[in-house]
Amino acid sequence: MDLDALLQHYFGTTDLDSLDDEAIDRGVQWLRIAFGTETEPGRRFAMWVVLHGLDEAPEPSAAFKDAQERAAAEAYIRAMDEAERSE
């Protein structure tokens, strides 16, 4: 799944810094709805990553029933934490 395509679809732009809080909130609401109804694992994970980047993602244990998907989300969080520490 293409990040720019996700951002464009749910937020109307790929530049989230250009949006006001109301537009971000509206996009997050639509993204949460889509995440909750999406059945394809790859698309679902990509949506979760965007929500995580916006500090709006549910915990992996709540977001993913599948153990492999949950482990991937937890690994992603660890990698992002490590990247932030190394900056």
PDB file of N, CA and C in Angstrom:
ATOM      1  N   MET A   1       0.853  -1.177   0.000  1.00  0.00           N
ATOM      2  CA  MET A   1       0.000   0.000   0.000  1.00  0.00           C
ATOM      3  C   MET A   1       0.896   1.235   0.000  1.00  0.00           C
ATOM      4  N   ASP A   2       0.557   2.181  -0.788  1.00  0.00           N
ATOM      5  CA  ASP A   2       1.329   3.401  -0.962  1.00  0.00           C
ATOM      6  C   ASP A   2       0.926   4.441   0.085  1.00  0.00           C
ATOM      7  N   LEU A   3       1.898   4.920   0.863  1.00  0.00           N
ATOM      8  CA  LEU A   3       1.628   5.897   1.922  1.00  0.00           C
ATOM      9  C   LEU A   3       0.991   7.161   1.350  1.00  0.00           C
ATOM     10  N   ASP A   4       1.547   7.666   0.266  1.00  0.00           N
ATOM     11  CA  ASP A   4       0.978   8.891  -0.325  1.00  0.00           C
ATOM     12  C   ASP A   4      -0.477   8.684  -0.732  1.00  0.00           C
ATOM     13  N   ALA A   5      -0.789   7.507  -1.267  1.00  0.00           N
ATOM     14  CA  ALA A   5      -2.172   7.221  -1.668  1.00  0.00           C
ATOM     15  C   ALA A   5      -3.093   7.201  -0.451  1.00  0.00           C
ATOM     16  N   LEU A   6      -2.621   6.623   0.643  1.00  0.00           N
ATOM     17  CA  LEU A   6      -3.429   6.618   1.871  1.00  0.00           C
ATOM     18  C   LEU A   6      -3.676   8.034   2.375  1.00  0.00           C
ATOM     19  N   LEU A   7      -2.618   8.813   2.442  1.00  0.00           N
ATOM     20  CA  LEU A   7      -2.756  10.182   2.936  1.00  0.00           C
ATOM     21  C   LEU A   7      -3.681  10.999   2.036  1.00  0.00           C
ATOM     22  N   GLN A   8      -3.506  10.862   0.739  1.00  0.00           N
ATOM     23  CA  GLN A   8      -4.349  11.601  -0.204  1.00  0.00           C
ATOM     24  C   GLN A   8      -5.814  11.191  -0.058  1.00  0.00           C
ATOM     25  N   HIS A   9      -6.052   9.891   0.090  1.00  0.00           N
ATOM     26  CA  HIS A   9      -7.428   9.392   0.179  1.00  0.00           C
ATOM     27  C   HIS A   9      -8.139   9.869   1.446  1.00  0.00           C
ATOM     28  N   TYR A  10      -7.479   9.759   2.591  1.00  0.00           N
ATOM     29  CA  TYR A  10      -8.143  10.071   3.859  1.00  0.00           C
ATOM     30  C   TYR A  10      -8.006  11.516   4.319  1.00  0.00           C
ATOM     31  N   PHE A  11      -6.957  12.195   3.841  1.00  0.00           N
ATOM     32  CA  PHE A  11      -6.723  13.565   4.297  1.00  0.00           C
ATOM     33  C   PHE A  11      -6.790  14.596   3.178  1.00  0.00           C
ATOM     34  N   GLY A  12      -6.861  14.137   1.929  1.00  0.00           N
ATOM     35  CA  GLY A  12      -6.966  15.057   0.804  1.00  0.00           C
ATOM     36  C   GLY A  12      -5.654  15.708   0.413  1.00  0.00           C
ATOM     37  N   THR A  13      -4.559  15.263   1.024  1.00  0.00           N
ATOM     38  CA  THR A  13      -3.236  15.804   0.733  1.00  0.00           C
ATOM     39  C   THR A  13      -2.185  14.824   1.239  1.00  0.00           C
ATOM     40  N   THR A  14      -0.985  14.953   0.711  1.00  0.00           N
ATOM     41  CA  THR A  14       0.127  14.168   1.246  1.00  0.00           C
ATOM     42  C   THR A  14       0.935  14.987   2.249  1.00  0.00           C
ATOM     43  N   ASP A  15       0.604  16.249   2.388  1.00  0.00           N
ATOM     44  CA  ASP A  15       1.306  17.156   3.300  1.00  0.00           C
ATOM     45  C   ASP A  15       0.409  17.452   4.507  1.00  0.00           C
ATOM     46  N   LEU A  16       0.497  16.610   5.521  1.00  0.00           N
ATOM     47  CA  LEU A  16      -0.365  16.780   6.694  1.00  0.00           C
ATOM     48  C   LEU A  16      -0.079  18.075   7.441  1.00  0.00           C
ATOM     49  N   ASP A  17       1.132  18.610   7.304  1.00  0.00           N
ATOM     50  CA  ASP A  17       1.463  19.879   7.963  1.00  0.00           C
ATOM     51  C   ASP A  17       0.628  21.037   7.419  1.00  0.00           C
ATOM     52  N   SER A  18       0.054  20.856   6.244  1.00  0.00           N
ATOM     53  CA  SER A  18      -0.751  21.933   5.651  1.00  0.00           C
ATOM     54  C   SER A  18      -2.196  21.934   6.165  1.00  0.00           C
ATOM     55  N   LEU A  19      -2.550  20.943   6.975  1.00  0.00           N
ATOM     56  CA  LEU A  19      -3.929  20.812   7.460  1.00  0.00           C
ATOM     57  C   LEU A  19      -4.108  21.409   8.841  1.00  0.00           C
ATOM     58  N   ASP A  20      -5.318  21.905   9.095  1.00  0.00           N
ATOM     59  CA  ASP A  20      -5.628  22.363  10.447  1.00  0.00           C
ATOM     60  C   ASP A  20      -6.087  21.160  11.282  1.00  0.00           C
ATOM     61  N   ASP A  21      -6.262  21.373  12.570  1.00  0.00           N
ATOM     62  CA  ASP A  21      -6.618  20.288  13.481  1.00  0.00           C
ATOM     63  C   ASP A  21      -7.933  19.614  13.109  1.00  0.00           C
ATOM     64  N   GLU A  22      -8.880  20.400  12.645  1.00  0.00           N
ATOM     65  CA  GLU A  22     -10.182  19.849  12.263  1.00  0.00           C
ATOM     66  C   GLU A  22     -10.055  18.892  11.080  1.00  0.00           C
ATOM     67  N   ALA A  23      -9.259  19.252  10.099  1.00  0.00           N
ATOM     68  CA  ALA A  23      -9.058  18.394   8.929  1.00  0.00           C
ATOM     69  C   ALA A  23      -8.321  17.110   9.314  1.00  0.00           C
ATOM     70  N   ILE A  24      -7.351  17.242  10.199  1.00  0.00           N
ATOM     71  CA  ILE A  24      -6.631  16.042  10.687  1.00  0.00           C
ATOM     72  C   ILE A  24      -7.612  15.134  11.417  1.00  0.00           C
ATOM     73  N   ASP A  25      -8.402  15.697  12.317  1.00  0.00           N
ATOM     74  CA  ASP A  25      -9.377  14.896  13.073  1.00  0.00           C
ATOM     75  C   ASP A  25     -10.359  14.191  12.151  1.00  0.00           C
ATOM     76  N   ARG A  26     -10.820  14.881  11.127  1.00  0.00           N
ATOM     77  CA  ARG A  26     -11.758  14.293  10.173  1.00  0.00           C
ATOM     78  C   ARG A  26     -11.101  13.119   9.428  1.00  0.00           C
ATOM     79  N   GLY A  27      -9.871  13.314   8.991  1.00  0.00           N
ATOM     80  CA  GLY A  27      -9.140  12.247   8.300  1.00  0.00           C
ATOM     81  C   GLY A  27      -8.896  11.053   9.198  1.00  0.00           C
ATOM     82  N   VAL A  28      -8.547  11.325  10.452  1.00  0.00           N
ATOM     83  CA  VAL A  28      -8.324  10.240  11.411  1.00  0.00           C
ATOM     84  C   VAL A  28      -9.614   9.457  11.636  1.00  0.00           C
ATOM     85  N   GLN A  29     -10.736  10.143  11.741  1.00  0.00           N
ATOM     86  CA  GLN A  29     -12.016   9.453  11.915  1.00  0.00           C
ATOM     87  C   GLN A  29     -12.296   8.516  10.748  1.00  0.00           C
ATOM     88  N   TRP A  30     -12.118   8.997   9.522  1.00  0.00           N
ATOM     89  CA  TRP A  30     -12.343   8.164   8.339  1.00  0.00           C
ATOM     90  C   TRP A  30     -11.365   6.998   8.307  1.00  0.00           C
ATOM     91  N   LEU A  31     -10.127   7.257   8.669  1.00  0.00           N
ATOM     92  CA  LEU A  31      -9.117   6.204   8.674  1.00  0.00           C
ATOM     93  C   LEU A  31      -9.428   5.148   9.728  1.00  0.00           C
ATOM     94  N   ARG A  32      -9.882   5.558  10.892  1.00  0.00           N
ATOM     95  CA  ARG A  32     -10.268   4.592  11.935  1.00  0.00           C
ATOM     96  C   ARG A  32     -11.418   3.706  11.473  1.00  0.00           C
ATOM     97  N   ILE A  33     -12.399   4.310  10.817  1.00  0.00           N
ATOM     98  CA  ILE A  33     -13.529   3.527  10.305  1.00  0.00           C
ATOM     99  C   ILE A  33     -13.030   2.512   9.278  1.00  0.00           C
ATOM    100  N   ALA A  34     -12.199   2.964   8.366  1.00  0.00           N
ATOM    101  CA  ALA A  34     -11.668   2.066   7.337  1.00  0.00           C
ATOM    102  C   ALA A  34     -10.823   0.964   7.960  1.00  0.00           C
ATOM    103  N   PHE A  35     -10.014   1.299   8.941  1.00  0.00           N
ATOM    104  CA  PHE A  35      -9.189   0.303   9.625  1.00  0.00           C
ATOM    105  C   PHE A  35     -10.074  -0.752  10.279  1.00  0.00           C
ATOM    106  N   GLY A  36     -11.137  -0.332  10.901  1.00  0.00           N
ATOM    107  CA  GLY A  36     -12.030  -1.254  11.583  1.00  0.00           C
ATOM    108  C   GLY A  36     -12.798  -2.179  10.665  1.00  0.00           C
ATOM    109  N   THR A  37     -12.962  -1.775   9.411  1.00  0.00           N
ATOM    110  CA  THR A  37     -13.734  -2.593   8.480  1.00  0.00           C
ATOM    111  C   THR A  37     -12.875  -3.303   7.435  1.00  0.00           C
ATOM    112  N   GLU A  38     -11.613  -2.937   7.331  1.00  0.00           N
ATOM    113  CA  GLU A  38     -10.718  -3.539   6.335  1.00  0.00           C
ATOM    114  C   GLU A  38     -10.420  -4.996   6.705  1.00  0.00           C
ATOM    115  N   THR A  39     -10.435  -5.868   5.701  1.00  0.00           N
ATOM    116  CA  THR A  39     -10.162  -7.283   5.947  1.00  0.00           C
ATOM    117  C   THR A  39      -8.833  -7.743   5.357  1.00  0.00           C
ATOM    118  N   GLU A  40      -8.265  -6.986   4.421  1.00  0.00           N
ATOM    119  CA  GLU A  40      -7.002  -7.382   3.815  1.00  0.00           C
ATOM    120  C   GLU A  40      -5.870  -6.992   4.760  1.00  0.00           C
ATOM    121  N   PRO A  41      -5.065  -7.968   5.225  1.00  0.00           N
ATOM    122  CA  PRO A  41      -4.056  -7.691   6.248  1.00  0.00           C
ATOM    123  C   PRO A  41      -3.043  -6.610   5.881  1.00  0.00           C
ATOM    124  N   GLY A  42      -2.565  -6.593   4.654  1.00  0.00           N
ATOM    125  CA  GLY A  42      -1.568  -5.590   4.268  1.00  0.00           C
ATOM    126  C   GLY A  42      -2.121  -4.177   4.304  1.00  0.00           C
ATOM    127  N   ARG A  43      -3.317  -4.005   3.780  1.00  0.00           N
ATOM    128  CA  ARG A  43      -3.961  -2.679   3.812  1.00  0.00           C
ATOM    129  C   ARG A  43      -4.226  -2.269   5.259  1.00  0.00           C
ATOM    130  N   ARG A  44      -4.700  -3.216   6.055  1.00  0.00           N
ATOM    131  CA  ARG A  44      -5.011  -2.939   7.453  1.00  0.00           C
ATOM    132  C   ARG A  44      -3.748  -2.488   8.210  1.00  0.00           C
ATOM    133  N   PHE A  45      -2.642  -3.187   7.968  1.00  0.00           N
ATOM    134  CA  PHE A  45      -1.394  -2.832   8.639  1.00  0.00           C
ATOM    135  C   PHE A  45      -0.938  -1.438   8.210  1.00  0.00           C
ATOM    136  N   ALA A  46      -1.044  -1.130   6.927  1.00  0.00           N
ATOM    137  CA  ALA A  46      -0.646   0.194   6.437  1.00  0.00           C
ATOM    138  C   ALA A  46      -1.482   1.289   7.096  1.00  0.00           C
ATOM    139  N   MET A  47      -2.766   1.045   7.239  1.00  0.00           N
ATOM    140  CA  MET A  47      -3.633   2.020   7.915  1.00  0.00           C
ATOM    141  C   MET A  47      -3.215   2.191   9.369  1.00  0.00           C
ATOM    142  N   TRP A  48      -2.897   1.081  10.020  1.00  0.00           N
ATOM    143  CA  TRP A  48      -2.464   1.139  11.413  1.00  0.00           C
ATOM    144  C   TRP A  48      -1.170   1.948  11.535  1.00  0.00           C
ATOM    145  N   VAL A  49      -0.248   1.772  10.593  1.00  0.00           N
ATOM    146  CA  VAL A  49       1.021   2.519  10.614  1.00  0.00           C
ATOM    147  C   VAL A  49       0.754   4.025  10.530  1.00  0.00           C
ATOM    148  N   VAL A  50      -0.153   4.432   9.654  1.00  0.00           N
ATOM    149  CA  VAL A  50      -0.485   5.857   9.548  1.00  0.00           C
ATOM    150  C   VAL A  50      -1.101   6.341  10.865  1.00  0.00           C
ATOM    151  N   LEU A  51      -2.028   5.570  11.407  1.00  0.00           N
ATOM    152  CA  LEU A  51      -2.621   5.950  12.697  1.00  0.00           C
ATOM    153  C   LEU A  51      -1.545   6.027  13.781  1.00  0.00           C
ATOM    154  N   HIS A  52      -0.608   5.107  13.766  1.00  0.00           N
ATOM    155  CA  HIS A  52       0.476   5.129  14.757  1.00  0.00           C
ATOM    156  C   HIS A  52       1.314   6.397  14.609  1.00  0.00           C
ATOM    157  N   GLY A  53       1.594   6.768  13.374  1.00  0.00           N
ATOM    158  CA  GLY A  53       2.368   7.983  13.128  1.00  0.00           C
ATOM    159  C   GLY A  53       1.671   9.239  13.627  1.00  0.00           C
ATOM    160  N   LEU A  54       0.362   9.180  13.725  1.00  0.00           N
ATOM    161  CA  LEU A  54      -0.426  10.302  14.225  1.00  0.00           C
ATOM    162  C   LEU A  54      -0.784  10.140  15.702  1.00  0.00           C
ATOM    163  N   ASP A  55      -0.187   9.160  16.359  1.00  0.00           N
ATOM    164  CA  ASP A  55      -0.466   8.844  17.772  1.00  0.00           C
ATOM    165  C   ASP A  55      -1.937   8.529  18.000  1.00  0.00           C
ATOM    166  N   GLU A  56      -2.556   7.863  17.036  1.00  0.00           N
ATOM    167  CA  GLU A  56      -3.983   7.532  17.119  1.00  0.00           C
ATOM    168  C   GLU A  56      -4.243   6.034  16.980  1.00  0.00           C
ATOM    169  N   ALA A  57      -3.203   5.224  16.924  1.00  0.00           N
ATOM    170  CA  ALA A  57      -3.365   3.792  16.695  1.00  0.00           C
ATOM    171  C   ALA A  57      -3.710   3.055  17.988  1.00  0.00           C
ATOM    172  N   PRO A  58      -4.583   2.074  17.876  1.00  0.00           N
ATOM    173  CA  PRO A  58      -4.826   1.215  19.039  1.00  0.00           C
ATOM    174  C   PRO A  58      -3.582   0.359  19.302  1.00  0.00           C
ATOM    175  N   GLU A  59      -3.460  -0.124  20.507  1.00  0.00           N
ATOM    176  CA  GLU A  59      -2.352  -1.021  20.841  1.00  0.00           C
ATOM    177  C   GLU A  59      -2.428  -2.263  19.948  1.00  0.00           C
ATOM    178  N   PRO A  60      -1.277  -2.832  19.587  1.00  0.00           N
ATOM    179  CA  PRO A  60      -1.294  -4.021  18.734  1.00  0.00           C
ATOM    180  C   PRO A  60      -2.172  -5.150  19.271  1.00  0.00           C
ATOM    181  N   SER A  61      -2.182  -5.333  20.567  1.00  0.00           N
ATOM    182  CA  SER A  61      -2.987  -6.409  21.140  1.00  0.00           C
ATOM    183  C   SER A  61      -4.479  -6.210  20.896  1.00  0.00           C
ATOM    184  N   ALA A  62      -4.906  -4.967  20.788  1.00  0.00           N
ATOM    185  CA  ALA A  62      -6.311  -4.663  20.502  1.00  0.00           C
ATOM    186  C   ALA A  62      -6.580  -4.576  18.997  1.00  0.00           C
ATOM    187  N   ALA A  63      -5.565  -4.205  18.237  1.00  0.00           N
ATOM    188  CA  ALA A  63      -5.749  -3.950  16.809  1.00  0.00           C
ATOM    189  C   ALA A  63      -5.692  -5.209  15.954  1.00  0.00           C
ATOM    190  N   PHE A  64      -4.907  -6.187  16.384  1.00  0.00           N
ATOM    191  CA  PHE A  64      -4.655  -7.357  15.544  1.00  0.00           C
ATOM    192  C   PHE A  64      -4.940  -8.645  16.296  1.00  0.00           C
ATOM    193  N   LYS A  65      -5.863  -9.431  15.765  1.00  0.00           N
ATOM    194  CA  LYS A  65      -6.184 -10.732  16.354  1.00  0.00           C
ATOM    195  C   LYS A  65      -5.127 -11.769  15.986  1.00  0.00           C
ATOM    196  N   ASP A  66      -4.598 -11.660  14.774  1.00  0.00           N
ATOM    197  CA  ASP A  66      -3.603 -12.596  14.286  1.00  0.00           C
ATOM    198  C   ASP A  66      -2.257 -12.350  14.981  1.00  0.00           C
ATOM    199  N   ALA A  67      -1.655 -13.421  15.493  1.00  0.00           N
ATOM    200  CA  ALA A  67      -0.402 -13.295  16.240  1.00  0.00           C
ATOM    201  C   ALA A  67       0.731 -12.734  15.387  1.00  0.00           C
ATOM    202  N   GLN A  68       0.795 -13.117  14.112  1.00  0.00           N
ATOM    203  CA  GLN A  68       1.857 -12.610  13.244  1.00  0.00           C
ATOM    204  C   GLN A  68       1.686 -11.122  12.970  1.00  0.00           C
ATOM    205  N   GLU A  69       0.470 -10.692  12.752  1.00  0.00           N
ATOM    206  CA  GLU A  69       0.210  -9.266  12.526  1.00  0.00           C
ATOM    207  C   GLU A  69       0.526  -8.467  13.782  1.00  0.00           C
ATOM    208  N   ARG A  70       0.135  -8.999  14.924  1.00  0.00           N
ATOM    209  CA  ARG A  70       0.420  -8.333  16.199  1.00  0.00           C
ATOM    210  C   ARG A  70       1.929  -8.230  16.409  1.00  0.00           C
ATOM    211  N   ALA A  71       2.657  -9.320  16.129  1.00  0.00           N
ATOM    212  CA  ALA A  71       4.115  -9.308  16.282  1.00  0.00           C
ATOM    213  C   ALA A  71       4.754  -8.299  15.330  1.00  0.00           C
ATOM    214  N   ALA A  72       4.224  -8.185  14.114  1.00  0.00           N
ATOM    215  CA  ALA A  72       4.755  -7.206  13.156  1.00  0.00           C
ATOM    216  C   ALA A  72       4.543  -5.781  13.668  1.00  0.00           C
ATOM    217  N   ALA A  73       3.381  -5.523  14.232  1.00  0.00           N
ATOM    218  CA  ALA A  73       3.099  -4.189  14.774  1.00  0.00           C
ATOM    219  C   ALA A  73       4.015  -3.879  15.951  1.00  0.00           C
ATOM    220  N   GLU A  74       4.232  -4.862  16.802  1.00  0.00           N
ATOM    221  CA  GLU A  74       5.121  -4.649  17.949  1.00  0.00           C
ATOM    222  C   GLU A  74       6.554  -4.416  17.479  1.00  0.00           C
ATOM    223  N   ALA A  75       6.990  -5.157  16.448  1.00  0.00           N
ATOM    224  CA  ALA A  75       8.327  -4.956  15.884  1.00  0.00           C
ATOM    225  C   ALA A  75       8.449  -3.567  15.267  1.00  0.00           C
ATOM    226  N   TYR A  76       7.387  -3.108  14.613  1.00  0.00           N
ATOM    227  CA  TYR A  76       7.380  -1.771  14.031  1.00  0.00           C
ATOM    228  C   TYR A  76       7.554  -0.714  15.129  1.00  0.00           C
ATOM    229  N   ILE A  77       6.833  -0.874  16.220  1.00  0.00           N
ATOM    230  CA  ILE A  77       6.941   0.088  17.327  1.00  0.00           C
ATOM    231  C   ILE A  77       8.359   0.102  17.875  1.00  0.00           C
ATOM    232  N   ARG A  78       8.937  -1.079  18.071  1.00  0.00           N
ATOM    233  CA  ARG A  78      10.316  -1.142  18.575  1.00  0.00           C
ATOM    234  C   ARG A  78      11.275  -0.455  17.604  1.00  0.00           C
ATOM    235  N   ALA A  79      11.108  -0.693  16.300  1.00  0.00           N
ATOM    236  CA  ALA A  79      11.987  -0.082  15.306  1.00  0.00           C
ATOM    237  C   ALA A  79      11.842   1.438  15.304  1.00  0.00           C
ATOM    238  N   MET A  80      10.622   1.929  15.418  1.00  0.00           N
ATOM    239  CA  MET A  80      10.408   3.374  15.444  1.00  0.00           C
ATOM    240  C   MET A  80      11.009   3.988  16.715  1.00  0.00           C
ATOM    241  N   ASP A  81      10.843   3.300  17.836  1.00  0.00           N
ATOM    242  CA  ASP A  81      11.437   3.792  19.079  1.00  0.00           C
ATOM    243  C   ASP A  81      12.958   3.854  18.961  1.00  0.00           C
ATOM    244  N   GLU A  82      13.548   2.821  18.370  1.00  0.00           N
ATOM    245  CA  GLU A  82      15.000   2.791  18.184  1.00  0.00           C
ATOM    246  C   GLU A  82      15.449   3.919  17.252  1.00  0.00           C
ATOM    247  N   ALA A  83      14.710   4.155  16.190  1.00  0.00           N
ATOM    248  CA  ALA A  83      15.043   5.232  15.258  1.00  0.00           C
ATOM    249  C   ALA A  83      14.986   6.586  15.939  1.00  0.00           C
ATOM    250  N   GLU A  84      13.998   6.791  16.788  1.00  0.00           N
ATOM    251  CA  GLU A  84      13.877   8.063  17.506  1.00  0.00           C
ATOM    252  C   GLU A  84      15.022   8.252  18.487  1.00  0.00           C
ATOM    253  N   ARG A  85      15.430   7.177  19.145  1.00  0.00           N
ATOM    254  CA  ARG A  85      16.536   7.276  20.113  1.00  0.00           C
ATOM    255  C   ARG A  85      17.857   7.581  19.418  1.00  0.00           C
ATOM    256  N   SER A  86      18.022   7.098  18.193  1.00  0.00           N
ATOM    257  CA  SER A  86      19.290   7.285  17.489  1.00  0.00           C
ATOM    258  C   SER A  86      19.379   8.633  16.777  1.00  0.00           C
ATOM    259  N   GLU A  87      18.317   9.404  16.764  1.00  0.00           N
ATOM    260  CA  GLU A  87      18.347  10.724  16.106  1.00  0.00           C
ATOM    261  C   GLU A  87      19.111  11.730  16.897  1.00  0.00           C
TER     262      GLU A  87
END
